[in-house]
Every structure is written in structure tokens, then in C-alpha cells.
Amino acid sequence: MAYAVKKHDNSNNCYRFLVGRNIDGCWIVCDRQRLVGGLFADKQSAIHFAVAQSEHQPGAVWCAEDDNCLLADPWQDLSEPSYRRRA
């Protein structure tokens, strides 16, 4: 299963699913196509869901750092430096 998961590296343009934590500390899966997703009790369950939904395609799942908090649009939140969003 691990072969389908990439760690956060700021180059999220080719990934379909993002796994990370929301502001409440729950694990979430966000689909770039906004077709599926979910809220999970633990990281392993979130990764399992994303990998299964991506049909185990290598590199389809991107994991945000454990201390990152995903907000309303996580694809935008993690792709653009925070100093640009404040301006």
C-alpha cells in the first residue's frame, strides 16, 4: 500500500487524493475532482480509503505533514505560500 502514497513536497499537481488533518484534528481525504472524500478516526484508515479509491495507482495519494491543518480548499491551502494568502 505504501507505494501509492507520497509525502508532502509542495508539488501536489499530479496527485488525486490528499490525506491530512482538519482543524479539529480528524483525518480527512480530499479528492482533487471533488467526487469522494471522507472524515476518518485515524491516518491509516484515511490512507487505506484514498489508496482504494485511486485503484492503487502509484503516486495518486499525497500525505500532508502531520502538523499541517487542511482548511476549506486543501489543494489551494497547501499549494500556495501562506504569506501570499494574507496579502
C-alpha atoms as a PDB file:
ATOM      1  CA  MET A   1       0.000   0.000   0.000  1.00  0.00           C
ATOM      2  CA  ALA A   2       2.787   2.483   0.770  1.00  0.00           C
ATOM      3  CA  TYR A   3       3.908   2.662  -2.871  1.00  0.00           C
ATOM      4  CA  ALA A   4       0.781   4.655  -3.736  1.00  0.00           C
ATOM      5  CA  VAL A   5       1.399   7.314  -1.087  1.00  0.00           C
ATOM      6  CA  LYS A   6       3.703  10.305  -1.403  1.00  0.00           C
ATOM      7  CA  LYS A   7       4.805  12.589   1.407  1.00  0.00           C
ATOM      8  CA  HIS A   8       4.241  16.352   1.318  1.00  0.00           C
ATOM      9  CA  ASP A   9       6.740  18.012  -1.021  1.00  0.00           C
ATOM     10  CA  ASN A  10       4.903  21.129  -2.318  1.00  0.00           C
ATOM     11  CA  SER A  11       4.481  19.587  -5.787  1.00  0.00           C
ATOM     12  CA  ASN A  12       0.931  18.326  -5.408  1.00  0.00           C
ATOM     13  CA  ASN A  13      -0.105  18.926  -9.023  1.00  0.00           C
ATOM     14  CA  CYS A  14      -0.140  15.252 -10.085  1.00  0.00           C
ATOM     15  CA  TYR A  15      -1.933  13.724  -7.075  1.00  0.00           C
ATOM     16  CA  ARG A  16      -5.625  12.896  -6.988  1.00  0.00           C
ATOM     17  CA  PHE A  17      -6.146  12.422  -3.233  1.00  0.00           C
ATOM     18  CA  LEU A  18      -4.874  14.431  -0.300  1.00  0.00           C
ATOM     19  CA  VAL A  19      -4.715  12.941   3.196  1.00  0.00           C
ATOM     20  CA  GLY A  20      -4.296  15.250   6.178  1.00  0.00           C
ATOM     21  CA  ARG A  21      -5.829  16.607   9.366  1.00  0.00           C
ATOM     22  CA  ASN A  22      -8.576  19.187   9.661  1.00  0.00           C
ATOM     23  CA  ILE A  23      -8.732  21.956  12.246  1.00  0.00           C
ATOM     24  CA  ASP A  24     -10.361  19.570  14.755  1.00  0.00           C
ATOM     25  CA  GLY A  25      -7.539  17.045  14.385  1.00  0.00           C
ATOM     26  CA  CYS A  26      -9.594  14.490  12.449  1.00  0.00           C
ATOM     27  CA  TRP A  27      -8.066  12.783   9.435  1.00  0.00           C
ATOM     28  CA  ILE A  28      -9.632  13.719   6.108  1.00  0.00           C
ATOM     29  CA  VAL A  29      -9.351  12.625   2.495  1.00  0.00           C
ATOM     30  CA  CYS A  30      -9.954  15.198  -0.228  1.00  0.00           C
ATOM     31  CA  ASP A  31     -10.382  14.283  -3.878  1.00  0.00           C
ATOM     32  CA  ARG A  32      -8.982  16.771  -6.398  1.00  0.00           C
ATOM     33  CA  GLN A  33     -12.025  16.041  -8.577  1.00  0.00           C
ATOM     34  CA  ARG A  34     -14.292  16.644  -5.554  1.00  0.00           C
ATOM     35  CA  LEU A  35     -16.196  13.401  -6.175  1.00  0.00           C
ATOM     36  CA  VAL A  36     -15.404  11.459  -2.983  1.00  0.00           C
ATOM     37  CA  GLY A  37     -13.774  12.072   0.358  1.00  0.00           C
ATOM     38  CA  GLY A  38     -14.297  11.492   3.996  1.00  0.00           C
ATOM     39  CA  LEU A  39     -13.574  12.041   7.650  1.00  0.00           C
ATOM     40  CA  PHE A  40     -11.608   9.316   9.452  1.00  0.00           C
ATOM     41  CA  ALA A  41     -10.649   8.415  13.012  1.00  0.00           C
ATOM     42  CA  ASP A  42      -7.029   7.658  12.141  1.00  0.00           C
ATOM     43  CA  LYS A  43      -4.416   8.246   9.454  1.00  0.00           C
ATOM     44  CA  GLN A  44      -4.166   4.602   8.383  1.00  0.00           C
ATOM     45  CA  SER A  45      -7.917   4.416   7.647  1.00  0.00           C
ATOM     46  CA  ALA A  46      -7.751   7.627   5.617  1.00  0.00           C
ATOM     47  CA  ILE A  47      -4.807   6.347   3.587  1.00  0.00           C
ATOM     48  CA  HIS A  48      -6.488   2.974   3.051  1.00  0.00           C
ATOM     49  CA  PHE A  49      -9.605   4.716   1.686  1.00  0.00           C
ATOM     50  CA  ALA A  50      -7.638   7.017  -0.630  1.00  0.00           C
ATOM     51  CA  VAL A  51      -5.488   4.194  -1.985  1.00  0.00           C
ATOM     52  CA  ALA A  52      -8.544   2.021  -2.620  1.00  0.00           C
ATOM     53  CA  GLN A  53     -10.403   4.878  -4.336  1.00  0.00           C
ATOM     54  CA  SER A  54      -7.394   5.542  -6.570  1.00  0.00           C
ATOM     55  CA  GLU A  55      -7.320   1.856  -7.547  1.00  0.00           C
ATOM     56  CA  HIS A  56      -3.765   1.602  -6.131  1.00  0.00           C
ATOM     57  CA  GLN A  57      -2.286   3.877  -8.811  1.00  0.00           C
ATOM     58  CA  PRO A  58       1.300   4.779  -7.848  1.00  0.00           C
ATOM     59  CA  GLY A  59       1.609   8.361  -6.664  1.00  0.00           C
ATOM     60  CA  ALA A  60      -2.139   9.053  -6.579  1.00  0.00           C
ATOM     61  CA  VAL A  61      -2.224   9.851  -2.846  1.00  0.00           C
ATOM     62  CA  TRP A  62      -0.434  12.770  -1.220  1.00  0.00           C
ATOM     63  CA  CYS A  63       0.015  12.966   2.563  1.00  0.00           C
ATOM     64  CA  ALA A  64       0.297  16.374   4.166  1.00  0.00           C
ATOM     65  CA  GLU A  65       2.675  16.735   7.082  1.00  0.00           C
ATOM     66  CA  ASP A  66       1.114  15.582  10.355  1.00  0.00           C
ATOM     67  CA  ASP A  67       1.252  19.101  11.791  1.00  0.00           C
ATOM     68  CA  ASN A  68      -0.374  20.777   8.751  1.00  0.00           C
ATOM     69  CA  CYS A  69      -4.017  21.766   9.100  1.00  0.00           C
ATOM     70  CA  LEU A  70      -6.155  21.467   5.968  1.00  0.00           C
ATOM     71  CA  LEU A  71      -8.735  24.220   5.589  1.00  0.00           C
ATOM     72  CA  ALA A  72     -11.660  24.875   3.217  1.00  0.00           C
ATOM     73  CA  ASP A  73      -9.799  24.071  -0.006  1.00  0.00           C
ATOM     74  CA  PRO A  74      -6.779  21.982   0.932  1.00  0.00           C
ATOM     75  CA  TRP A  75      -5.417  21.878  -2.600  1.00  0.00           C
ATOM     76  CA  GLN A  76      -5.157  25.663  -2.584  1.00  0.00           C
ATOM     77  CA  ASP A  77      -4.132  25.870   1.078  1.00  0.00           C
ATOM     78  CA  LEU A  78      -1.048  23.694   0.561  1.00  0.00           C
ATOM     79  CA  SER A  79      -0.056  24.826  -2.915  1.00  0.00           C
ATOM     80  CA  GLU A  80       0.351  28.498  -2.241  1.00  0.00           C
ATOM     81  CA  PRO A  81       2.704  30.026   0.369  1.00  0.00           C
ATOM     82  CA  SER A  82       0.869  31.423   3.393  1.00  0.00           C
ATOM     83  CA  TYR A  83       2.411  34.880   3.014  1.00  0.00           C
ATOM     84  CA  ARG A  84       0.634  35.292  -0.348  1.00  0.00           C
ATOM     85  CA  ARG A  85      -2.775  34.416   1.093  1.00  0.00           C
ATOM     86  CA  ARG A  86      -2.548  37.120   3.768  1.00  0.00           C
ATOM     87  CA  ALA A  87      -1.985  39.955   1.301  1.00  0.00           C
END
